[in-house]
Structures are given as C-alpha cells and as structure tokens.
N, C-alpha and C. Protein backbone atom coordinates (compact mmCIF):
# COMPACT_ATOMS: atom_id res chain seq x y z
N UNK A 1 -20.60 14.42 -4.16
CA UNK A 1 -20.63 15.28 -5.33
C UNK A 1 -20.64 14.40 -6.59
N UNK A 2 -21.42 14.76 -7.55
CA UNK A 2 -21.43 14.06 -8.82
C UNK A 2 -20.57 14.82 -9.81
N UNK A 3 -20.04 14.08 -10.77
CA UNK A 3 -19.16 14.68 -11.75
C UNK A 3 -19.72 14.49 -13.15
N UNK A 4 -19.57 15.49 -13.95
CA UNK A 4 -20.01 15.47 -15.33
C UNK A 4 -19.08 14.56 -16.14
N UNK A 5 -19.66 13.56 -16.80
CA UNK A 5 -18.86 12.62 -17.59
C UNK A 5 -18.09 13.33 -18.69
N UNK A 6 -18.68 14.36 -19.27
CA UNK A 6 -17.97 15.12 -20.32
C UNK A 6 -16.74 15.81 -19.74
N UNK A 7 -16.87 16.36 -18.54
CA UNK A 7 -15.74 17.04 -17.90
C UNK A 7 -14.63 16.06 -17.57
N UNK A 8 -14.99 14.90 -17.02
CA UNK A 8 -13.97 13.89 -16.72
C UNK A 8 -13.25 13.44 -17.99
N UNK A 9 -14.04 13.21 -19.04
CA UNK A 9 -13.44 12.80 -20.31
C UNK A 9 -12.51 13.84 -20.87
N UNK A 10 -12.91 15.10 -20.76
CA UNK A 10 -12.06 16.19 -21.27
C UNK A 10 -10.75 16.27 -20.49
N UNK A 11 -10.82 16.08 -19.18
CA UNK A 11 -9.62 16.10 -18.36
C UNK A 11 -8.69 14.96 -18.74
N UNK A 12 -9.25 13.78 -18.92
CA UNK A 12 -8.43 12.62 -19.30
C UNK A 12 -7.81 12.82 -20.68
N UNK A 13 -8.58 13.34 -21.62
CA UNK A 13 -8.06 13.59 -22.97
C UNK A 13 -6.92 14.61 -22.92
N UNK A 14 -7.13 15.69 -22.15
CA UNK A 14 -6.10 16.71 -22.02
C UNK A 14 -4.83 16.12 -21.42
N UNK A 15 -4.98 15.31 -20.39
CA UNK A 15 -3.83 14.67 -19.74
C UNK A 15 -3.10 13.78 -20.73
N UNK A 16 -3.84 12.96 -21.46
CA UNK A 16 -3.24 12.05 -22.45
C UNK A 16 -2.47 12.83 -23.50
N UNK A 17 -3.09 13.89 -24.02
CA UNK A 17 -2.46 14.69 -25.06
C UNK A 17 -1.25 15.45 -24.52
N UNK A 18 -1.33 15.93 -23.28
CA UNK A 18 -0.19 16.62 -22.66
C UNK A 18 1.00 15.68 -22.54
N UNK A 19 0.72 14.42 -22.25
CA UNK A 19 1.78 13.42 -22.15
C UNK A 19 2.25 12.95 -23.53
N UNK A 20 1.55 13.37 -24.58
CA UNK A 20 1.92 12.97 -25.94
C UNK A 20 1.63 11.51 -26.24
N UNK A 21 0.57 10.98 -25.64
CA UNK A 21 0.23 9.57 -25.80
C UNK A 21 -0.96 9.38 -26.73
N UNK A 22 -0.87 8.35 -27.53
CA UNK A 22 -2.03 7.95 -28.33
C UNK A 22 -2.93 7.08 -27.46
N UNK A 23 -4.13 6.86 -27.91
CA UNK A 23 -5.03 5.96 -27.17
C UNK A 23 -4.44 4.55 -27.13
N UNK A 24 -3.82 4.12 -28.22
CA UNK A 24 -3.22 2.79 -28.25
C UNK A 24 -2.09 2.65 -27.23
N UNK A 25 -1.34 3.72 -27.02
CA UNK A 25 -0.28 3.69 -26.02
C UNK A 25 -0.88 3.56 -24.62
N UNK A 26 -1.99 4.23 -24.38
CA UNK A 26 -2.66 4.11 -23.08
C UNK A 26 -3.14 2.67 -22.89
N UNK A 27 -3.67 2.06 -23.94
CA UNK A 27 -4.09 0.65 -23.87
C UNK A 27 -2.90 -0.22 -23.49
N UNK A 28 -1.76 0.01 -24.13
CA UNK A 28 -0.56 -0.77 -23.82
C UNK A 28 -0.11 -0.56 -22.38
N UNK A 29 -0.15 0.69 -21.92
CA UNK A 29 0.23 0.99 -20.54
C UNK A 29 -0.73 0.33 -19.55
N UNK A 30 -1.96 0.12 -19.98
CA UNK A 30 -2.97 -0.53 -19.12
C UNK A 30 -2.96 -2.04 -19.29
N UNK A 31 -1.95 -2.55 -19.98
CA UNK A 31 -1.81 -4.00 -20.19
C UNK A 31 -3.04 -4.62 -20.83
N UNK A 32 -3.70 -3.86 -21.72
CA UNK A 32 -4.84 -4.39 -22.44
C UNK A 32 -6.11 -4.53 -21.62
N UNK A 33 -6.16 -3.95 -20.43
CA UNK A 33 -7.36 -4.05 -19.59
C UNK A 33 -8.52 -3.23 -20.14
N UNK A 34 -8.22 -2.32 -21.05
CA UNK A 34 -9.22 -1.49 -21.71
C UNK A 34 -8.88 -1.44 -23.19
N UNK A 35 -9.79 -0.95 -24.00
CA UNK A 35 -9.51 -0.83 -25.43
C UNK A 35 -9.57 0.64 -25.85
N UNK A 36 -8.97 0.93 -26.98
CA UNK A 36 -8.92 2.32 -27.48
C UNK A 36 -10.32 2.89 -27.69
N UNK A 37 -11.25 2.05 -28.10
CA UNK A 37 -12.63 2.51 -28.30
C UNK A 37 -13.24 2.99 -26.99
N UNK A 38 -12.99 2.27 -25.91
CA UNK A 38 -13.50 2.67 -24.60
C UNK A 38 -12.93 4.03 -24.20
N UNK A 39 -11.63 4.22 -24.42
CA UNK A 39 -11.00 5.50 -24.09
C UNK A 39 -11.64 6.61 -24.91
N UNK A 40 -11.82 6.37 -26.19
CA UNK A 40 -12.45 7.36 -27.07
C UNK A 40 -13.85 7.73 -26.55
N UNK A 41 -14.65 6.73 -26.22
CA UNK A 41 -16.01 6.98 -25.75
C UNK A 41 -16.02 7.77 -24.46
N UNK A 42 -15.11 7.45 -23.53
CA UNK A 42 -15.05 8.17 -22.26
C UNK A 42 -14.59 9.61 -22.50
N UNK A 43 -13.60 9.79 -23.36
CA UNK A 43 -13.11 11.13 -23.68
C UNK A 43 -14.19 11.99 -24.33
N UNK A 44 -15.21 11.35 -24.88
CA UNK A 44 -16.28 12.08 -25.54
C UNK A 44 -17.61 12.02 -24.77
N UNK A 45 -17.52 11.76 -23.45
CA UNK A 45 -18.69 11.93 -22.60
C UNK A 45 -19.40 10.71 -22.09
N UNK A 46 -18.96 9.51 -22.47
CA UNK A 46 -19.62 8.33 -21.91
C UNK A 46 -19.21 8.17 -20.45
N UNK A 47 -20.15 7.93 -19.58
CA UNK A 47 -19.85 7.75 -18.16
C UNK A 47 -19.11 6.43 -17.95
N UNK A 48 -17.94 6.50 -17.35
CA UNK A 48 -17.15 5.27 -17.16
C UNK A 48 -17.48 4.55 -15.87
N UNK A 49 -17.20 3.27 -15.85
CA UNK A 49 -17.22 2.51 -14.61
C UNK A 49 -16.02 2.97 -13.79
N UNK A 50 -16.13 2.95 -12.48
CA UNK A 50 -15.03 3.40 -11.63
C UNK A 50 -13.77 2.57 -11.86
N UNK A 51 -13.93 1.28 -12.06
CA UNK A 51 -12.76 0.42 -12.29
C UNK A 51 -12.06 0.78 -13.60
N UNK A 52 -12.82 1.09 -14.62
CA UNK A 52 -12.25 1.51 -15.91
C UNK A 52 -11.53 2.84 -15.76
N UNK A 53 -12.14 3.74 -15.04
CA UNK A 53 -11.54 5.04 -14.78
C UNK A 53 -10.21 4.87 -14.04
N UNK A 54 -10.17 3.97 -13.08
CA UNK A 54 -8.95 3.72 -12.32
C UNK A 54 -7.83 3.19 -13.21
N UNK A 55 -8.18 2.31 -14.14
CA UNK A 55 -7.19 1.76 -15.07
C UNK A 55 -6.62 2.86 -15.96
N UNK A 56 -7.49 3.71 -16.47
CA UNK A 56 -7.04 4.80 -17.34
C UNK A 56 -6.16 5.77 -16.54
N UNK A 57 -6.59 6.11 -15.35
CA UNK A 57 -5.80 7.02 -14.52
C UNK A 57 -4.41 6.45 -14.24
N UNK A 58 -4.35 5.18 -13.92
CA UNK A 58 -3.05 4.56 -13.66
C UNK A 58 -2.16 4.65 -14.89
N UNK A 59 -2.73 4.41 -16.05
CA UNK A 59 -1.96 4.47 -17.30
C UNK A 59 -1.48 5.89 -17.60
N UNK A 60 -2.20 6.89 -17.08
CA UNK A 60 -1.85 8.29 -17.30
C UNK A 60 -1.09 8.90 -16.12
N UNK A 61 -0.71 8.06 -15.17
CA UNK A 61 0.05 8.50 -14.00
C UNK A 61 -0.66 9.61 -13.22
N UNK A 62 -1.94 9.42 -13.00
CA UNK A 62 -2.75 10.34 -12.21
C UNK A 62 -3.63 9.48 -11.30
N UNK A 63 -3.83 9.93 -10.09
CA UNK A 63 -4.69 9.17 -9.18
C UNK A 63 -6.14 9.58 -9.40
N UNK A 64 -7.03 8.73 -8.95
CA UNK A 64 -8.45 9.08 -9.01
C UNK A 64 -8.71 10.35 -8.19
N UNK A 65 -8.04 10.48 -7.06
CA UNK A 65 -8.22 11.67 -6.22
C UNK A 65 -7.80 12.93 -6.98
N UNK A 66 -6.69 12.86 -7.70
CA UNK A 66 -6.24 14.02 -8.47
C UNK A 66 -7.22 14.35 -9.59
N UNK A 67 -7.73 13.31 -10.24
CA UNK A 67 -8.70 13.51 -11.32
C UNK A 67 -9.96 14.19 -10.79
N UNK A 68 -10.50 13.68 -9.68
CA UNK A 68 -11.73 14.25 -9.13
C UNK A 68 -11.49 15.66 -8.59
N UNK A 69 -10.30 15.90 -8.01
CA UNK A 69 -9.99 17.25 -7.52
C UNK A 69 -9.93 18.23 -8.68
N UNK A 70 -9.33 17.82 -9.79
CA UNK A 70 -9.28 18.70 -10.96
C UNK A 70 -10.68 18.95 -11.51
N UNK A 71 -11.51 17.91 -11.55
CA UNK A 71 -12.89 18.07 -12.03
C UNK A 71 -13.66 19.02 -11.11
N UNK A 72 -13.42 18.92 -9.82
CA UNK A 72 -14.10 19.82 -8.87
C UNK A 72 -13.63 21.25 -9.05
N UNK A 73 -12.32 21.45 -9.25
CA UNK A 73 -11.80 22.81 -9.48
C UNK A 73 -12.41 23.41 -10.75
N UNK A 74 -12.48 22.61 -11.80
CA UNK A 74 -13.03 23.12 -13.06
C UNK A 74 -14.53 23.41 -12.94
N UNK A 75 -15.23 22.62 -12.17
CA UNK A 75 -16.67 22.85 -11.98
C UNK A 75 -16.91 24.13 -11.20
N UNK A 76 -15.99 24.48 -10.32
CA UNK A 76 -16.13 25.68 -9.52
C UNK A 76 -15.60 26.92 -10.20
N UNK A 77 -14.93 26.75 -11.34
CA UNK A 77 -14.32 27.89 -12.04
C UNK A 77 -15.33 28.76 -12.72
C-alpha cells in the first residue's frame, strides 16, 4: 500500500502538536539527526525518506507501524 505524503505529514504534525512540542524540540529529541526545516517540509507534504520518518517517529514516541496504521485508518475513513 502506498501512503499519501500529505496524510503522513498531517498525522505527524497532529501528534507533535498534541504532545505540545515545537519543531525545535523534536530536533533536540532526535539528537540533531534532522532539522526543523525538514520537519516543516514533511508536515506540509514533502515525501520523507524512511530513515527520516523513523527518526521523527522515535522523537514523537510513535512507531512506524503505528504511523502507517493510522494513515491506513484515515485513508479508509
């Protein structure tokens, strides 16, 4: 199954905002492996590399499996 980059970005943005985190805080949680600009671009529809997505998910305390399951649920809604 393929996933819409906009949908994935929206899920990540929602998760980040629900946790009350700024993009800079996510960067810090990711030990600088990504930058705030990358997070912004992904949250607004840029297709991420899987490794980048994994880093963001780890910083947001969500697994890739949970992210993809949520994207699948939303696509089926």
